[in-house]
Amino acid sequence: MKAHDIDARGVFCFHSEMEADMPSIANENNNERMSLRVPATAKAKLRRAAALRNTDLTSFVTQSALREAEAVIEEAETIRVSRRDHLRILELLENPPKPNAKLRAAIVGLPDAL
């Protein structure tokens, strides 16, 4: 995924670069076991849904959980700003304001390595 894009609603989105550090699920050949307890009614519903998708229960639960995990991660690592705010951010990056007295004082305290 790009570091930024515009979503379907026309909202500009910034994405975290942490995504590149995440291991690819598709390239994993080593399977690990997970065990979970669910009520019988939940298991029956999951089995029915898996059958409707013509897949086994393990694949159905894994794919469903991965979709949800990806959505949670995407939401946590994405900042959405309006088109107006996007333009304002670009303007400030291209033409930053002059440092005020507080900023100049803070800069004095920074190590030279920065």
Protein backbone atom coordinates (compact mmCIF):
# COMPACT_ATOMS: atom_id res chain seq x y z
CA MET A 1 0.00 0.00 0.00
CA LYS A 2 1.18 3.49 -0.75
CA ALA A 3 2.04 5.87 2.08
CA HIS A 4 -1.04 7.88 1.09
CA ASP A 5 -4.03 7.72 -1.20
CA ILE A 6 -7.59 8.96 -1.54
CA ASP A 7 -10.35 6.62 -0.40
CA ALA A 8 -13.68 5.97 -2.13
CA ARG A 9 -15.27 8.97 -0.39
CA GLY A 10 -12.54 11.32 -1.65
CA VAL A 11 -10.87 11.52 1.77
CA PHE A 12 -7.07 11.75 1.72
CA CYS A 13 -5.47 8.96 3.80
CA PHE A 14 -1.98 8.67 5.26
CA HIS A 15 -0.80 5.13 6.05
CA SER A 16 1.79 4.00 8.56
CA GLU A 17 5.02 2.61 7.18
CA MET A 18 4.84 -0.22 9.75
CA GLU A 19 2.96 -2.31 7.20
CA ALA A 20 6.21 -3.13 5.42
CA ASP A 21 7.54 -4.72 8.61
CA MET A 22 4.61 -7.12 8.92
CA PRO A 23 5.29 -10.70 7.72
CA SER A 24 3.33 -11.81 4.70
CA ILE A 25 0.68 -14.39 5.58
CA ALA A 26 0.60 -15.75 2.02
CA ASN A 27 4.32 -16.64 2.10
CA GLU A 28 4.16 -18.61 5.34
CA ASN A 29 4.53 -22.35 4.90
CA ASN A 30 4.69 -23.16 8.60
CA ASN A 31 1.27 -23.66 10.13
CA GLU A 32 0.70 -23.17 13.83
CA ARG A 33 -2.13 -24.51 15.91
CA MET A 34 -4.68 -22.27 17.58
CA SER A 35 -7.34 -23.51 19.91
CA LEU A 36 -10.43 -21.63 21.00
CA ARG A 37 -13.63 -22.39 22.82
CA VAL A 38 -16.93 -21.16 21.44
CA PRO A 39 -20.55 -21.90 22.33
CA ALA A 40 -22.12 -24.75 20.36
CA THR A 41 -24.48 -22.32 18.65
CA ALA A 42 -21.56 -20.18 17.45
CA LYS A 43 -19.73 -23.24 16.11
CA ALA A 44 -22.87 -24.38 14.29
CA LYS A 45 -23.30 -20.95 12.72
CA LEU A 46 -19.63 -20.90 11.65
CA ARG A 47 -19.93 -24.40 10.14
CA ARG A 48 -23.05 -23.34 8.22
CA ALA A 49 -21.36 -20.21 6.89
CA ALA A 50 -18.28 -22.24 5.89
CA ALA A 51 -20.49 -24.72 4.04
CA LEU A 52 -22.24 -21.89 2.22
CA ARG A 53 -18.83 -20.69 1.06
CA ASN A 54 -17.82 -24.24 0.07
CA THR A 55 -14.85 -24.26 2.42
CA ASP A 56 -13.83 -26.03 5.60
CA LEU A 57 -14.35 -24.52 9.05
CA THR A 58 -10.64 -23.82 9.64
CA SER A 59 -10.23 -21.93 6.36
CA PHE A 60 -13.45 -19.99 6.90
CA VAL A 61 -12.55 -18.92 10.45
CA THR A 62 -8.95 -18.09 9.47
CA GLN A 63 -9.94 -15.98 6.47
CA SER A 64 -12.71 -14.20 8.39
CA ALA A 65 -10.39 -13.44 11.31
CA LEU A 66 -7.63 -12.22 8.98
CA ARG A 67 -10.04 -9.87 7.18
CA GLU A 68 -11.09 -8.40 10.52
CA ALA A 69 -7.47 -8.17 11.72
CA GLU A 70 -6.48 -6.33 8.53
CA ALA A 71 -9.39 -3.90 8.98
CA VAL A 72 -8.41 -3.22 12.61
CA ILE A 73 -4.76 -2.65 11.67
CA GLU A 74 -5.72 -0.42 8.73
CA GLU A 75 -7.96 1.68 10.97
CA ALA A 76 -5.24 2.03 13.61
CA GLU A 77 -2.49 2.92 11.13
CA THR A 78 -4.38 5.30 8.85
CA ILE A 79 -5.03 8.98 9.38
CA ARG A 80 -7.88 10.35 7.27
CA VAL A 81 -8.02 14.04 6.50
CA SER A 82 -10.37 16.03 4.34
CA ARG A 83 -9.27 17.43 0.99
CA ARG A 84 -9.16 20.90 2.58
CA ASP A 85 -6.92 19.69 5.42
CA HIS A 86 -4.76 17.76 2.96
CA LEU A 87 -4.14 20.93 0.99
CA ARG A 88 -3.38 22.82 4.22
CA ILE A 89 -0.84 20.17 5.28
CA LEU A 90 0.88 20.37 1.89
CA GLU A 91 0.92 24.16 2.10
CA LEU A 92 2.53 24.05 5.56
CA LEU A 93 5.11 21.51 4.39
CA GLU A 94 6.00 23.59 1.34
CA ASN A 95 5.87 26.94 3.15
CA PRO A 96 6.45 26.36 6.86
CA PRO A 97 5.82 29.29 9.20
CA LYS A 98 8.81 31.02 10.76
CA PRO A 99 9.72 29.58 14.19
CA ASN A 100 8.26 31.53 17.11
CA ALA A 101 10.11 32.25 20.37
CA LYS A 102 8.97 29.04 22.09
CA LEU A 103 10.09 26.88 19.18
CA ARG A 104 13.47 28.64 18.98
CA ALA A 105 13.92 28.07 22.74
CA ALA A 106 13.04 24.40 22.35
CA ILE A 107 15.51 24.00 19.48
CA VAL A 108 18.33 25.35 21.66
CA GLY A 109 17.82 22.43 24.05
CA LEU A 110 18.05 19.75 21.35
CA PRO A 111 21.21 17.67 20.89
CA ASP A 112 23.36 18.60 17.90
CA ALA A 113 22.87 15.13 16.37
CA LEU A 114 19.33 16.03 15.35
